[in-house]
């Protein structure tokens, strides 16, 4: 069973691939370090709801789309 954090990270990665974005660009646009984003992507840290909201705005998608 996939947990919610895994689902969100997968959806973020899918959007990043479609939009040709990297972790540095993501970090810059949500006000985090690349290392902090990397920890989330490697599942060593959970992505905060605040950062998920920032990403949904940056990607121009509904926040619930990141949880599907």
PDB file of N, CA and C in Angstrom:
ATOM      1  N   UNK A   1       0.839  -1.185   0.000  1.00  0.00           N
ATOM      2  CA  UNK A   1       0.000   0.000   0.000  1.00  0.00           C
ATOM      3  C   UNK A   1       0.882   1.245   0.000  1.00  0.00           C
ATOM      4  N   UNK A   2       0.588   2.180  -0.863  1.00  0.00           N
ATOM      5  CA  UNK A   2       1.363   3.404  -0.980  1.00  0.00           C
ATOM      6  C   UNK A   2       0.827   4.435   0.025  1.00  0.00           C
ATOM      7  N   UNK A   3       1.744   5.096   0.757  1.00  0.00           N
ATOM      8  CA  UNK A   3       1.258   6.096   1.694  1.00  0.00           C
ATOM      9  C   UNK A   3       1.110   7.445   0.997  1.00  0.00           C
ATOM     10  N   UNK A   4       0.468   8.371   1.666  1.00  0.00           N
ATOM     11  CA  UNK A   4       0.133   9.651   1.056  1.00  0.00           C
ATOM     12  C   UNK A   4       1.376  10.436   0.661  1.00  0.00           C
ATOM     13  N   UNK A   5       2.422  10.397   1.477  1.00  0.00           N
ATOM     14  CA  UNK A   5       3.653  11.114   1.152  1.00  0.00           C
ATOM     15  C   UNK A   5       4.275  10.562  -0.127  1.00  0.00           C
ATOM     16  N   UNK A   6       4.286   9.243  -0.280  1.00  0.00           N
ATOM     17  CA  UNK A   6       4.818   8.626  -1.498  1.00  0.00           C
ATOM     18  C   UNK A   6       4.012   9.065  -2.725  1.00  0.00           C
ATOM     19  N   UNK A   7       2.707   9.136  -2.571  1.00  0.00           N
ATOM     20  CA  UNK A   7       1.837   9.531  -3.681  1.00  0.00           C
ATOM     21  C   UNK A   7       2.123  10.978  -4.088  1.00  0.00           C
ATOM     22  N   UNK A   8       2.247  11.864  -3.101  1.00  0.00           N
ATOM     23  CA  UNK A   8       2.514  13.274  -3.393  1.00  0.00           C
ATOM     24  C   UNK A   8       3.862  13.422  -4.088  1.00  0.00           C
ATOM     25  N   UNK A   9       4.891  12.763  -3.565  1.00  0.00           N
ATOM     26  CA  UNK A   9       6.232  12.854  -4.161  1.00  0.00           C
ATOM     27  C   UNK A   9       6.212  12.315  -5.592  1.00  0.00           C
ATOM     28  N   UNK A  10       5.516  11.204  -5.809  1.00  0.00           N
ATOM     29  CA  UNK A  10       5.428  10.646  -7.167  1.00  0.00           C
ATOM     30  C   UNK A  10       4.772  11.645  -8.113  1.00  0.00           C
ATOM     31  N   UNK A  11       3.685  12.259  -7.678  1.00  0.00           N
ATOM     32  CA  UNK A  11       2.986  13.221  -8.523  1.00  0.00           C
ATOM     33  C   UNK A  11       3.845  14.458  -8.797  1.00  0.00           C
ATOM     34  N   UNK A  12       4.577  14.914  -7.803  1.00  0.00           N
ATOM     35  CA  UNK A  12       5.476  16.053  -7.993  1.00  0.00           C
ATOM     36  C   UNK A  12       6.568  15.690  -8.993  1.00  0.00           C
ATOM     37  N   UNK A  13       7.144  14.518  -8.844  1.00  0.00           N
ATOM     38  CA  UNK A  13       8.194  14.088  -9.775  1.00  0.00           C
ATOM     39  C   UNK A  13       7.651  13.981 -11.201  1.00  0.00           C
ATOM     40  N   UNK A  14       6.436  13.466 -11.352  1.00  0.00           N
ATOM     41  CA  UNK A  14       5.820  13.363 -12.686  1.00  0.00           C
ATOM     42  C   UNK A  14       5.677  14.744 -13.330  1.00  0.00           C
ATOM     43  N   UNK A  15       5.225  15.714 -12.549  1.00  0.00           N
ATOM     44  CA  UNK A  15       5.074  17.076 -13.072  1.00  0.00           C
ATOM     45  C   UNK A  15       6.444  17.665 -13.402  1.00  0.00           C
ATOM     46  N   UNK A  16       7.412  17.415 -12.549  1.00  0.00           N
ATOM     47  CA  UNK A  16       8.767  17.919 -12.806  1.00  0.00           C
ATOM     48  C   UNK A  16       9.308  17.392 -14.127  1.00  0.00           C
ATOM     49  N   UNK A  17       9.077  16.137 -14.406  1.00  0.00           N
ATOM     50  CA  UNK A  17       9.547  15.544 -15.660  1.00  0.00           C
ATOM     51  C   UNK A  17       8.833  16.208 -16.842  1.00  0.00           C
ATOM     52  N   UNK A  18       7.512  16.359 -16.746  1.00  0.00           N
ATOM     53  CA  UNK A  18       6.742  16.973 -17.836  1.00  0.00           C
ATOM     54  C   UNK A  18       7.179  18.404 -18.101  1.00  0.00           C
ATOM     55  N   UNK A  19       7.545  19.123 -17.026  1.00  0.00           N
ATOM     56  CA  UNK A  19       7.908  20.531 -17.168  1.00  0.00           C
ATOM     57  C   UNK A  19       9.415  20.758 -17.214  1.00  0.00           C
ATOM     58  N   UNK A  20      10.163  19.655 -17.253  1.00  0.00           N
ATOM     59  CA  UNK A  20      11.619  19.729 -17.334  1.00  0.00           C
ATOM     60  C   UNK A  20      12.223  20.571 -16.204  1.00  0.00           C
ATOM     61  N   UNK A  21      11.818  20.257 -14.972  1.00  0.00           N
ATOM     62  CA  UNK A  21      12.308  20.970 -13.796  1.00  0.00           C
ATOM     63  C   UNK A  21      13.206  20.066 -12.972  1.00  0.00           C
ATOM     64  N   UNK A  22      14.105  20.671 -12.217  1.00  0.00           N
ATOM     65  CA  UNK A  22      14.969  19.892 -11.328  1.00  0.00           C
ATOM     66  C   UNK A  22      14.750  20.330  -9.882  1.00  0.00           C
ATOM     67  N   UNK A  23      15.393  19.634  -8.962  1.00  0.00           N
ATOM     68  CA  UNK A  23      15.213  19.925  -7.544  1.00  0.00           C
ATOM     69  C   UNK A  23      15.693  21.322  -7.178  1.00  0.00           C
ATOM     70  N   UNK A  24      16.727  21.813  -7.841  1.00  0.00           N
ATOM     71  CA  UNK A  24      17.200  23.171  -7.558  1.00  0.00           C
ATOM     72  C   UNK A  24      16.115  24.195  -7.860  1.00  0.00           C
ATOM     73  N   UNK A  25      15.486  24.058  -9.007  1.00  0.00           N
ATOM     74  CA  UNK A  25      14.428  25.000  -9.403  1.00  0.00           C
ATOM     75  C   UNK A  25      13.261  24.919  -8.437  1.00  0.00           C
ATOM     76  N   UNK A  26      12.891  23.700  -8.054  1.00  0.00           N
ATOM     77  CA  UNK A  26      11.794  23.517  -7.106  1.00  0.00           C
ATOM     78  C   UNK A  26      12.131  24.195  -5.782  1.00  0.00           C
ATOM     79  N   UNK A  27      13.321  23.948  -5.280  1.00  0.00           N
ATOM     80  CA  UNK A  27      13.749  24.521  -4.004  1.00  0.00           C
ATOM     81  C   UNK A  27      13.703  26.043  -4.041  1.00  0.00           C
ATOM     82  N   UNK A  28      14.206  26.620  -5.102  1.00  0.00           N
ATOM     83  CA  UNK A  28      14.206  28.084  -5.243  1.00  0.00           C
ATOM     84  C   UNK A  28      12.788  28.644  -5.184  1.00  0.00           C
ATOM     85  N   UNK A  29      11.864  27.973  -5.824  1.00  0.00           N
ATOM     86  CA  UNK A  29      10.508  28.493  -5.934  1.00  0.00           C
ATOM     87  C   UNK A  29       9.637  28.256  -4.711  1.00  0.00           C
ATOM     88  N   UNK A  30      10.062  27.396  -3.809  1.00  0.00           N
ATOM     89  CA  UNK A  30       9.295  27.219  -2.573  1.00  0.00           C
ATOM     90  C   UNK A  30      10.070  27.718  -1.361  1.00  0.00           C
ATOM     91  N   UNK A  31      11.226  28.327  -1.597  1.00  0.00           N
ATOM     92  CA  UNK A  31      11.981  28.923  -0.503  1.00  0.00           C
ATOM     93  C   UNK A  31      12.672  27.916   0.405  1.00  0.00           C
ATOM     94  N   UNK A  32      13.077  26.788  -0.168  1.00  0.00           N
ATOM     95  CA  UNK A  32      13.783  25.749   0.576  1.00  0.00           C
ATOM     96  C   UNK A  32      15.150  25.510  -0.058  1.00  0.00           C
ATOM     97  N   UNK A  33      16.009  24.817   0.659  1.00  0.00           N
ATOM     98  CA  UNK A  33      17.291  24.431   0.079  1.00  0.00           C
ATOM     99  C   UNK A  33      17.097  23.195  -0.785  1.00  0.00           C
ATOM    100  N   UNK A  34      18.020  22.980  -1.709  1.00  0.00           N
ATOM    101  CA  UNK A  34      17.966  21.781  -2.521  1.00  0.00           C
ATOM    102  C   UNK A  34      18.100  20.551  -1.635  1.00  0.00           C
ATOM    103  N   UNK A  35      18.898  20.664  -0.574  1.00  0.00           N
ATOM    104  CA  UNK A  35      19.084  19.537   0.336  1.00  0.00           C
ATOM    105  C   UNK A  35      17.778  19.165   1.035  1.00  0.00           C
ATOM    106  N   UNK A  36      17.003  20.169   1.442  1.00  0.00           N
ATOM    107  CA  UNK A  36      15.720  19.897   2.093  1.00  0.00           C
ATOM    108  C   UNK A  36      14.765  19.203   1.126  1.00  0.00           C
ATOM    109  N   UNK A  37      14.739  19.673  -0.103  1.00  0.00           N
ATOM    110  CA  UNK A  37      13.877  19.045  -1.125  1.00  0.00           C
ATOM    111  C   UNK A  37      14.354  17.625  -1.388  1.00  0.00           C
ATOM    112  N   UNK A  38      15.649  17.444  -1.474  1.00  0.00           N
ATOM    113  CA  UNK A  38      16.213  16.114  -1.709  1.00  0.00           C
ATOM    114  C   UNK A  38      15.819  15.143  -0.593  1.00  0.00           C
ATOM    115  N   UNK A  39      15.841  15.603   0.643  1.00  0.00           N
ATOM    116  CA  UNK A  39      15.437  14.747   1.765  1.00  0.00           C
ATOM    117  C   UNK A  39      13.979  14.320   1.630  1.00  0.00           C
ATOM    118  N   UNK A  40      13.129  15.216   1.157  1.00  0.00           N
ATOM    119  CA  UNK A  40      11.721  14.864   0.941  1.00  0.00           C
ATOM    120  C   UNK A  40      11.590  13.836  -0.176  1.00  0.00           C
ATOM    121  N   UNK A  41      12.341  14.056  -1.257  1.00  0.00           N
ATOM    122  CA  UNK A  41      12.249  13.146  -2.399  1.00  0.00           C
ATOM    123  C   UNK A  41      12.807  11.770  -2.075  1.00  0.00           C
ATOM    124  N   UNK A  42      13.746  11.697  -1.151  1.00  0.00           N
ATOM    125  CA  UNK A  42      14.300  10.398  -0.768  1.00  0.00           C
ATOM    126  C   UNK A  42      13.538   9.793   0.415  1.00  0.00           C
ATOM    127  N   UNK A  43      12.439  10.443   0.788  1.00  0.00           N
ATOM    128  CA  UNK A  43      11.537   9.978   1.857  1.00  0.00           C
ATOM    129  C   UNK A  43      12.206   9.950   3.228  1.00  0.00           C
ATOM    130  N   UNK A  44      13.219  10.767   3.433  1.00  0.00           N
ATOM    131  CA  UNK A  44      13.854  10.878   4.746  1.00  0.00           C
ATOM    132  C   UNK A  44      13.206  11.991   5.557  1.00  0.00           C
ATOM    133  N   UNK A  45      12.366  12.766   4.891  1.00  0.00           N
ATOM    134  CA  UNK A  45      11.627  13.857   5.525  1.00  0.00           C
ATOM    135  C   UNK A  45      10.301  13.984   4.785  1.00  0.00           C
ATOM    136  N   UNK A  46       9.249  14.299   5.527  1.00  0.00           N
ATOM    137  CA  UNK A  46       7.948  14.495   4.895  1.00  0.00           C
ATOM    138  C   UNK A  46       7.837  15.914   4.361  1.00  0.00           C
ATOM    139  N   UNK A  47       7.196  16.056   3.235  1.00  0.00           N
ATOM    140  CA  UNK A  47       6.928  17.367   2.648  1.00  0.00           C
ATOM    141  C   UNK A  47       5.829  18.020   3.479  1.00  0.00           C
ATOM    142  N   UNK A  48       6.004  19.281   3.843  1.00  0.00           N
ATOM    143  CA  UNK A  48       4.985  19.975   4.625  1.00  0.00           C
ATOM    144  C   UNK A  48       3.815  20.368   3.732  1.00  0.00           C
ATOM    145  N   UNK A  49       2.669  20.517   4.349  1.00  0.00           N
ATOM    146  CA  UNK A  49       1.492  20.947   3.607  1.00  0.00           C
ATOM    147  C   UNK A  49       1.723  22.334   3.006  1.00  0.00           C
ATOM    148  N   UNK A  50       2.429  23.186   3.732  1.00  0.00           N
ATOM    149  CA  UNK A  50       2.747  24.517   3.209  1.00  0.00           C
ATOM    150  C   UNK A  50       3.560  24.426   1.913  1.00  0.00           C
ATOM    151  N   UNK A  51       4.553  23.548   1.889  1.00  0.00           N
ATOM    152  CA  UNK A  51       5.365  23.388   0.677  1.00  0.00           C
ATOM    153  C   UNK A  51       4.582  22.721  -0.449  1.00  0.00           C
ATOM    154  N   UNK A  52       3.709  21.802  -0.107  1.00  0.00           N
ATOM    155  CA  UNK A  52       2.854  21.182  -1.124  1.00  0.00           C
ATOM    156  C   UNK A  52       1.950  22.244  -1.754  1.00  0.00           C
ATOM    157  N   UNK A  53       1.431  23.146  -0.929  1.00  0.00           N
ATOM    158  CA  UNK A  53       0.596  24.236  -1.449  1.00  0.00           C
ATOM    159  C   UNK A  53       1.414  25.161  -2.350  1.00  0.00           C
ATOM    160  N   UNK A  54       2.637  25.488  -1.939  1.00  0.00           N
ATOM    161  CA  UNK A  54       3.511  26.326  -2.771  1.00  0.00           C
ATOM    162  C   UNK A  54       3.788  25.652  -4.113  1.00  0.00           C
ATOM    163  N   UNK A  55       4.013  24.341  -4.082  1.00  0.00           N
ATOM    164  CA  UNK A  55       4.275  23.615  -5.325  1.00  0.00           C
ATOM    165  C   UNK A  55       3.046  23.582  -6.224  1.00  0.00           C
ATOM    166  N   UNK A  56       1.875  23.398  -5.640  1.00  0.00           N
ATOM    167  CA  UNK A  56       0.669  23.375  -6.470  1.00  0.00           C
ATOM    168  C   UNK A  56       0.483  24.726  -7.154  1.00  0.00           C
ATOM    169  N   UNK A  57       0.782  25.804  -6.452  1.00  0.00           N
ATOM    170  CA  UNK A  57       0.705  27.132  -7.066  1.00  0.00           C
ATOM    171  C   UNK A  57       1.755  27.285  -8.152  1.00  0.00           C
ATOM    172  N   UNK A  58       2.971  26.859  -7.872  1.00  0.00           N
ATOM    173  CA  UNK A  58       4.052  26.961  -8.844  1.00  0.00           C
ATOM    174  C   UNK A  58       3.759  26.140 -10.097  1.00  0.00           C
ATOM    175  N   UNK A  59       3.229  24.929  -9.909  1.00  0.00           N
ATOM    176  CA  UNK A  59       2.900  24.053 -11.035  1.00  0.00           C
ATOM    177  C   UNK A  59       1.589  24.448 -11.717  1.00  0.00           C
ATOM    178  N   UNK A  60       0.829  25.334 -11.073  1.00  0.00           N
ATOM    179  CA  UNK A  60      -0.479  25.746 -11.572  1.00  0.00           C
ATOM    180  C   UNK A  60      -1.431  24.556 -11.677  1.00  0.00           C
ATOM    181  N   UNK A  61      -1.465  23.780 -10.580  1.00  0.00           N
ATOM    182  CA  UNK A  61      -2.394  22.655 -10.471  1.00  0.00           C
ATOM    183  C   UNK A  61      -3.140  22.785  -9.149  1.00  0.00           C
ATOM    184  N   UNK A  62      -4.279  22.151  -9.075  1.00  0.00           N
ATOM    185  CA  UNK A  62      -5.026  22.131  -7.819  1.00  0.00           C
ATOM    186  C   UNK A  62      -4.259  21.280  -6.807  1.00  0.00           C
ATOM    187  N   UNK A  63      -4.268  21.706  -5.554  1.00  0.00           N
ATOM    188  CA  UNK A  63      -3.511  20.981  -4.528  1.00  0.00           C
ATOM    189  C   UNK A  63      -3.981  19.523  -4.444  1.00  0.00           C
ATOM    190  N   UNK A  64      -5.269  19.285  -4.604  1.00  0.00           N
ATOM    191  CA  UNK A  64      -5.776  17.914  -4.506  1.00  0.00           C
ATOM    192  C   UNK A  64      -5.222  17.023  -5.609  1.00  0.00           C
ATOM    193  N   UNK A  65      -4.818  17.616  -6.728  1.00  0.00           N
ATOM    194  CA  UNK A  65      -4.212  16.827  -7.804  1.00  0.00           C
ATOM    195  C   UNK A  65      -2.900  16.196  -7.375  1.00  0.00           C
ATOM    196  N   UNK A  66      -2.211  16.810  -6.438  1.00  0.00           N
ATOM    197  CA  UNK A  66      -0.945  16.246  -5.957  1.00  0.00           C
ATOM    198  C   UNK A  66      -1.166  15.061  -5.021  1.00  0.00           C
ATOM    199  N   UNK A  67      -2.396  14.924  -4.514  1.00  0.00           N
ATOM    200  CA  UNK A  67      -2.718  13.829  -3.597  1.00  0.00           C
ATOM    201  C   UNK A  67      -3.398  12.649  -4.283  1.00  0.00           C
ATOM    202  N   UNK A  68      -3.707  12.767  -5.581  1.00  0.00           N
ATOM    203  CA  UNK A  68      -4.420  11.693  -6.288  1.00  0.00           C
ATOM    204  C   UNK A  68      -3.517  10.531  -6.574  1.00  0.00           C
TER     205      UNK A  68
END
